[in-house]
Structure formats: structure tokens, C-alpha cells
Amino acid sequence: MRRSSSFATILLLAAPLAAPGSTVAGQRLAYALPSPATAAYQLTDNTSMTISGSPMGPMEFTGGSTFNYALTFAAGGDGVRVSAELSAFEAQMNSPMGPQVLSQTLAGVASGFEVLLAGRGLADIVTESRRADGELPILVDPHAVLFPTLPGGDAGTGDAWVDTVTVGVGEGGERVVVLTYTLEGEATHDGRPHLRIAVSGESRLTMAEQGASMDLTGSESGYYLWDTERGLMALAELSRSHEGRMTAPDGTSVRIEFTATTRITMEN
């Protein structure tokens, strides 16, 4: 099980690809020191959320953010040490109170981080990306989406593997996702062959903080493109849908529904 930290509370929200090939010969899907030992990624997240059943009537929130990370890889023990610098950030949020452009200081969503990779994926999180006191409706974690779990050895078309990712939410909550990865086949991206890996899963988000509680369940789906030449994830798109209820300290509750899409692109 992998565990990462997230923003403080969701309560404050208020390139076409070639079709997968029919067959793929055995491929070694494992992390190793890439060459060159640097990479740049852009992570874009868009979320919409509806709260219904409150005395004020239905409320809708939308948020969007873009993170640019500069990564440096180095040998570290039996694995690979990755240092990620947040080189650029921008975000905006629309709520019943009106639109708002958020700076990194105000949003408090993420910063640079350092992790250790083993063959299958994350082995240790040396330095967390800062996600406490965040005000954006973002439930993805850069550690997890930039480094999806791999089988750690040879894999062929149709092979599948499973991982559980746990993301902390605030002081009293967590989001647990059981993900299934399936190697679908080959895809062409940027004129070169890649491997397309489908991902799907079921998740549950629970929270208990300052007398309030929340319980949401949902599903996730999407895909990764694995660059076999560089040994890194090159492109990904992940969608999530959750619904459930939030209960206030006085016992009143509201219904929450939200959807989100995250797109990750390796830029160099």
C-alpha cells in the first residue's frame, strides 16, 4: 500500500493516439535510472462539484489548475531517487461567491518533493509535496500519477496487476483507491511506439474533522502511455466520479457529487 498526503479539507471547496496493437511481445515494465536523467511534466486538473440539499439551495463549484514539474533522477541505493521542483503553477476556482485566481501561496496545494523508486514504483516518500491547508478541489497526488505502479518485470498484452493507493485528506480523512492496471497493447505517440496501460478502480473518501463527517464512493478510469525508450510515463488521462453525503456537527447533511479529470504530459 502506498500512502501520500493531500490538501487539508474538501469542505472548503465551496493528441489523438493510435489504436492499441493486437499483440505486444514480452516487455519489461520496471523503473530504472532513465537517460537522460531529467524530465519535465505538466499536470492539469479540472474538477466540478455540486452540493445539494442545503438551506441555500444547490451550489456548484468548479476548479482548474496546472502544475509544471522539473524532475531530476539519480541512483539511490537499490532504486532511483527522484527530485521534483515545482517550476510553475496557476489555478482558478469558480464558486457562488464568484471567480477567484489562486496563487501557490494561497492554494497551498503542492510544492516540490523527493521520492525513491523501486522496480514497481514508489518505495519511499522522502519529502512530501505540500498539500496541507489547500483550497483547491484536487484529489490527485503528484507522486502517484507521475509514477504509476508497474508489474516490475516482463508483461504481455492482457496482463493485469493491482495496487492500493491511500491519500490523506486533511487531519481526519483519507481516500483509498484500489486500482487495476491492464497492458492493452502498443500505441504511437510523438511518432514512436509506446505501451498503453488502462487503469480502473473503485475508491472511497471518508473524513471526520471538527465534528463534521463525509463519506463518498466512486470510480476511476483512464490510461497511461509508457515510453519504452525512456522508461518513463509519457502521457496519461485519468477521470474520477464520486458521490455521497457530508454531515455537519448539528446532524444536518447535504449530498455531494463531483467529477474530475487529470491529464499529465511529459514535455521533454
Protein backbone atom coordinates (compact mmCIF):
# COMPACT_ATOMS: atom_id res chain seq x y z
CA MET A 1 0.00 0.00 0.00
CA ARG A 2 1.22 3.46 -0.86
CA ARG A 3 0.32 6.45 1.25
CA SER A 4 0.62 10.15 0.43
CA SER A 5 -0.69 13.37 1.94
CA SER A 6 -3.34 15.65 0.42
CA PHE A 7 -4.84 19.13 0.94
CA ALA A 8 -6.46 19.93 4.27
CA THR A 9 -10.16 19.70 3.50
CA ILE A 10 -12.53 19.35 0.62
CA LEU A 11 -15.10 21.06 2.80
CA LEU A 12 -13.60 24.40 1.79
CA LEU A 13 -14.22 23.84 -1.94
CA ALA A 14 -17.14 25.55 -1.65
CA ALA A 15 -3.46 14.10 -29.27
CA PRO A 16 -5.18 11.55 -30.68
CA LEU A 17 -3.47 8.19 -30.17
CA ALA A 18 -3.04 5.21 -32.45
CA ALA A 19 -5.28 2.28 -31.58
CA PRO A 20 -3.60 -0.30 -29.37
CA GLY A 21 -1.91 -3.09 -31.27
CA SER A 22 -3.37 -6.56 -31.12
CA THR A 23 -0.24 -8.08 -29.65
CA VAL A 24 2.75 -7.00 -27.64
CA ALA A 25 5.78 -9.15 -27.12
CA GLY A 26 7.03 -9.54 -23.57
CA GLN A 27 8.11 -6.13 -22.30
CA ARG A 28 9.99 -5.35 -19.13
CA LEU A 29 7.89 -2.81 -17.26
CA ALA A 30 10.01 -1.59 -14.38
CA TYR A 31 11.58 1.66 -13.19
CA ALA A 32 15.30 2.22 -13.68
CA LEU A 33 17.60 5.22 -13.98
CA PRO A 34 16.48 6.91 -17.23
CA SER A 35 18.74 8.53 -19.81
CA PRO A 36 18.75 11.47 -19.91
CA ALA A 37 18.27 11.70 -16.16
CA THR A 38 15.87 14.65 -16.33
CA ALA A 39 12.26 15.11 -17.39
CA ALA A 40 9.61 17.83 -17.35
CA TYR A 41 5.93 17.16 -16.76
CA GLN A 42 2.78 19.23 -16.88
CA LEU A 43 -0.16 18.12 -14.73
CA THR A 44 -3.57 19.68 -15.44
CA ASP A 45 -6.55 19.01 -13.20
CA ASN A 46 -10.18 20.12 -13.69
CA THR A 47 -12.91 19.43 -11.15
CA SER A 48 -16.62 20.21 -10.88
CA MET A 49 -18.67 19.74 -7.73
CA THR A 50 -22.35 20.07 -6.79
CA ILE A 51 -23.72 20.35 -3.26
CA SER A 52 -27.47 19.81 -2.93
CA GLY A 53 -29.89 19.66 -0.03
CA SER A 54 -28.60 22.72 1.82
CA PRO A 55 -30.89 25.55 3.02
CA MET A 56 -29.23 27.81 0.45
CA GLY A 57 -30.19 25.50 -2.40
CA PRO A 58 -27.91 23.76 -4.88
CA MET A 59 -24.35 25.12 -5.10
CA GLU A 60 -21.87 24.46 -7.87
CA PHE A 61 -18.10 24.77 -7.76
CA THR A 62 -15.51 24.31 -10.48
CA GLY A 63 -11.75 24.44 -10.24
CA GLY A 64 -8.82 24.12 -12.58
CA SER A 65 -5.10 24.03 -12.01
CA THR A 66 -1.86 23.43 -13.88
CA PHE A 67 1.41 22.28 -12.31
CA ASN A 68 4.76 22.10 -14.08
CA TYR A 69 7.39 19.86 -12.52
CA ALA A 70 11.09 19.59 -13.39
CA LEU A 71 12.39 16.15 -12.36
CA THR A 72 15.95 15.00 -11.77
CA PHE A 73 16.81 11.30 -11.41
CA ALA A 74 19.82 9.75 -9.68
CA ALA A 75 20.85 6.33 -8.45
CA GLY A 76 19.78 5.84 -4.84
CA GLY A 77 20.57 2.62 -3.03
CA ASP A 78 18.77 -0.22 -4.79
CA GLY A 79 16.50 2.16 -6.69
CA VAL A 80 16.19 5.61 -8.18
CA ARG A 81 15.98 8.89 -6.29
CA VAL A 82 13.70 11.49 -7.88
CA SER A 83 13.80 15.18 -7.01
CA ALA A 84 10.88 17.22 -8.34
CA GLU A 85 10.81 21.01 -8.45
CA LEU A 86 7.50 22.83 -8.92
CA SER A 87 8.60 25.20 -11.67
CA ALA A 88 5.24 26.80 -12.47
CA PHE A 89 1.71 26.86 -11.04
CA GLU A 90 -1.58 28.50 -11.92
CA ALA A 91 -5.14 27.88 -10.79
CA GLN A 92 -8.62 29.31 -10.75
CA MET A 93 -11.83 28.47 -8.90
CA ASN A 94 -15.44 29.41 -9.60
CA SER A 95 -17.99 29.33 -6.79
CA PRO A 96 -21.30 31.01 -5.91
CA MET A 97 -19.15 33.81 -4.48
CA GLY A 98 -17.60 34.42 -7.90
CA PRO A 99 -14.38 33.52 -9.74
CA GLN A 100 -11.04 33.52 -7.98
CA VAL A 101 -7.49 33.19 -9.27
CA LEU A 102 -5.31 31.41 -6.75
CA SER A 103 -1.61 31.83 -6.19
CA GLN A 104 0.51 28.94 -5.00
CA THR A 105 0.78 30.54 -1.56
CA LEU A 106 -2.99 30.81 -1.20
CA ALA A 107 -3.84 27.49 -2.81
CA GLY A 108 -1.30 25.56 -0.74
CA VAL A 109 -1.82 22.54 -2.95
CA ALA A 110 1.61 21.22 -3.81
CA SER A 111 5.29 22.01 -3.93
CA GLY A 112 8.48 20.19 -4.83
CA PHE A 113 9.02 16.69 -3.48
CA GLU A 114 11.54 13.86 -3.35
CA VAL A 115 10.81 10.15 -3.65
CA LEU A 116 12.58 6.83 -4.06
CA LEU A 117 11.53 4.44 -6.81
CA ALA A 118 11.94 0.68 -6.80
CA GLY A 119 11.22 -1.52 -9.79
CA ARG A 120 7.44 -1.45 -9.37
CA GLY A 121 7.07 2.19 -8.29
CA LEU A 122 7.17 4.28 -5.15
CA ALA A 123 9.31 2.75 -2.43
CA ASP A 124 9.54 5.77 -0.13
CA ILE A 125 8.43 9.40 0.00
CA VAL A 126 11.42 11.33 1.32
CA THR A 127 9.80 14.76 1.14
CA GLU A 128 6.06 15.24 0.75
CA SER A 129 4.59 17.66 -1.73
CA ARG A 130 2.89 20.25 0.48
CA ARG A 131 -0.85 19.65 0.40
CA ALA A 132 -1.98 20.92 3.78
CA ASP A 133 -4.36 23.88 4.02
CA GLY A 134 -5.17 23.67 0.33
CA GLU A 135 -8.19 25.40 -1.10
CA LEU A 136 -8.43 23.69 -4.50
CA PRO A 137 -10.64 20.66 -5.16
CA ILE A 138 -7.75 18.42 -6.20
CA LEU A 139 -7.62 14.84 -5.03
CA VAL A 140 -4.78 13.57 -7.18
CA ASP A 141 -1.31 13.25 -5.77
CA PRO A 142 1.68 14.03 -8.00
CA HIS A 143 3.63 11.12 -6.55
CA ALA A 144 1.01 8.60 -7.60
CA VAL A 145 0.11 9.91 -11.04
CA LEU A 146 3.66 10.60 -12.21
CA PHE A 147 4.83 7.15 -11.13
CA PRO A 148 2.05 4.60 -11.71
CA THR A 149 2.60 1.12 -10.34
CA LEU A 150 4.23 -1.33 -12.76
CA PRO A 151 4.48 -5.13 -12.68
CA GLY A 152 8.23 -4.81 -12.09
CA GLY A 153 9.11 -7.42 -14.69
CA ASP A 154 8.04 -8.88 -18.03
CA ALA A 155 4.45 -8.28 -19.16
CA GLY A 156 2.44 -9.01 -22.30
CA THR A 157 -0.88 -7.93 -23.75
CA GLY A 158 -3.73 -8.59 -21.37
CA ASP A 159 -1.58 -8.89 -18.26
CA ALA A 160 -3.00 -7.07 -15.24
CA TRP A 161 -1.75 -6.04 -11.81
CA VAL A 162 -3.35 -4.36 -8.79
CA ASP A 163 -2.31 -1.66 -6.33
CA THR A 164 -3.95 0.22 -3.48
CA VAL A 165 -3.24 3.94 -3.12
CA THR A 166 -4.15 5.79 0.08
CA VAL A 167 -4.16 9.59 0.07
CA GLY A 168 -4.54 11.52 3.33
CA VAL A 169 -7.21 14.25 3.30
CA GLY A 170 -6.85 16.89 5.99
CA GLU A 171 -6.31 15.92 9.61
CA GLY A 172 -9.01 13.28 9.82
CA GLY A 173 -9.67 11.75 6.45
CA GLU A 174 -8.34 9.55 3.70
CA ARG A 175 -9.12 8.46 0.18
CA VAL A 176 -8.43 4.80 -0.63
CA VAL A 177 -8.36 3.65 -4.25
CA VAL A 178 -7.94 0.04 -5.40
CA LEU A 179 -6.55 0.26 -8.93
CA THR A 180 -6.28 -2.40 -11.63
CA TYR A 181 -3.77 -1.81 -14.42
CA THR A 182 -4.01 -3.73 -17.71
CA LEU A 183 -1.44 -3.73 -20.52
CA GLU A 184 -3.61 -3.19 -23.59
CA GLY A 185 -1.01 -3.06 -26.35
CA GLU A 186 1.04 -0.67 -28.41
CA ALA A 187 0.21 2.94 -29.26
CA THR A 188 2.09 5.53 -31.29
CA HIS A 189 2.85 8.84 -29.60
CA ASP A 190 5.18 11.53 -30.93
CA GLY A 191 5.99 9.18 -33.80
CA ARG A 192 7.40 6.48 -31.54
CA PRO A 193 5.98 3.25 -30.09
CA HIS A 194 4.65 3.33 -26.56
CA LEU A 195 2.72 0.88 -24.41
CA ARG A 196 -0.84 1.74 -23.46
CA ILE A 197 -1.85 0.74 -19.93
CA ALA A 198 -5.51 1.01 -18.95
CA VAL A 199 -6.36 1.80 -15.34
CA SER A 200 -9.64 1.44 -13.49
CA GLY A 201 -10.63 1.32 -9.87
CA GLU A 202 -13.07 1.89 -7.05
CA SER A 203 -12.47 4.44 -4.34
CA ARG A 204 -13.84 5.68 -1.05
CA LEU A 205 -13.21 9.05 0.60
CA THR A 206 -14.02 9.43 4.28
CA MET A 207 -13.45 12.35 6.61
CA ALA A 208 -14.14 13.28 10.22
CA GLU A 209 -12.98 16.74 11.18
CA GLN A 210 -14.20 19.26 13.77
CA GLY A 211 -17.47 17.41 14.28
CA ALA A 212 -18.25 17.10 10.58
CA SER A 213 -18.01 13.92 8.54
CA MET A 214 -18.08 12.94 4.90
CA ASP A 215 -18.38 9.62 3.10
CA LEU A 216 -18.05 9.48 -0.70
CA THR A 217 -17.68 6.49 -3.01
CA GLY A 218 -16.77 6.47 -6.66
CA SER A 219 -14.90 5.03 -9.61
CA GLU A 220 -11.83 5.93 -11.62
CA SER A 221 -10.74 5.13 -15.16
CA GLY A 222 -8.17 6.21 -17.71
CA TYR A 223 -4.89 5.21 -19.26
CA TYR A 224 -1.13 5.72 -19.22
CA LEU A 225 1.28 5.67 -22.15
CA TRP A 226 4.63 4.17 -21.19
CA ASP A 227 7.68 5.35 -23.13
CA THR A 228 9.69 2.17 -23.59
CA GLU A 229 12.72 4.10 -24.84
CA ARG A 230 12.98 6.44 -21.86
CA GLY A 231 11.44 4.14 -19.28
CA LEU A 232 9.01 6.78 -18.05
CA MET A 233 5.34 7.63 -18.25
CA ALA A 234 4.82 9.89 -21.28
CA LEU A 235 1.12 10.71 -21.20
CA ALA A 236 -1.87 9.96 -19.00
CA GLU A 237 -5.51 10.86 -18.64
CA LEU A 238 -7.48 9.87 -15.55
CA SER A 239 -11.14 10.56 -14.75
CA ARG A 240 -12.90 10.27 -11.40
CA SER A 241 -16.53 10.41 -10.28
CA HIS A 242 -17.68 10.42 -6.64
CA GLU A 243 -20.90 10.91 -4.73
CA GLY A 244 -22.07 10.69 -1.14
CA ARG A 245 -23.03 12.81 1.83
CA MET A 246 -21.45 15.33 4.18
CA THR A 247 -22.86 15.68 7.70
CA ALA A 248 -22.46 18.82 9.79
CA PRO A 249 -21.86 18.78 13.57
CA ASP A 250 -25.57 19.51 14.17
CA GLY A 251 -26.60 16.40 12.24
CA THR A 252 -27.81 18.06 9.07
CA SER A 253 -26.42 16.62 5.86
CA VAL A 254 -26.03 17.53 2.19
CA ARG A 255 -25.40 15.48 -0.90
CA ILE A 256 -22.11 15.91 -2.75
CA GLU A 257 -21.31 14.89 -6.33
CA PHE A 258 -18.11 15.67 -8.16
CA THR A 259 -16.23 14.71 -11.27
CA ALA A 260 -12.61 15.40 -12.14
CA THR A 261 -10.18 14.82 -14.97
CA THR A 262 -6.41 14.88 -14.71
CA ARG A 263 -4.08 14.97 -17.71
CA ILE A 264 -0.31 14.50 -17.40
CA THR A 265 2.13 15.14 -20.23
CA MET A 266 5.90 14.62 -20.34
CA GLU A 267 7.18 17.70 -22.16
CA ASN A 268 10.82 16.66 -22.53
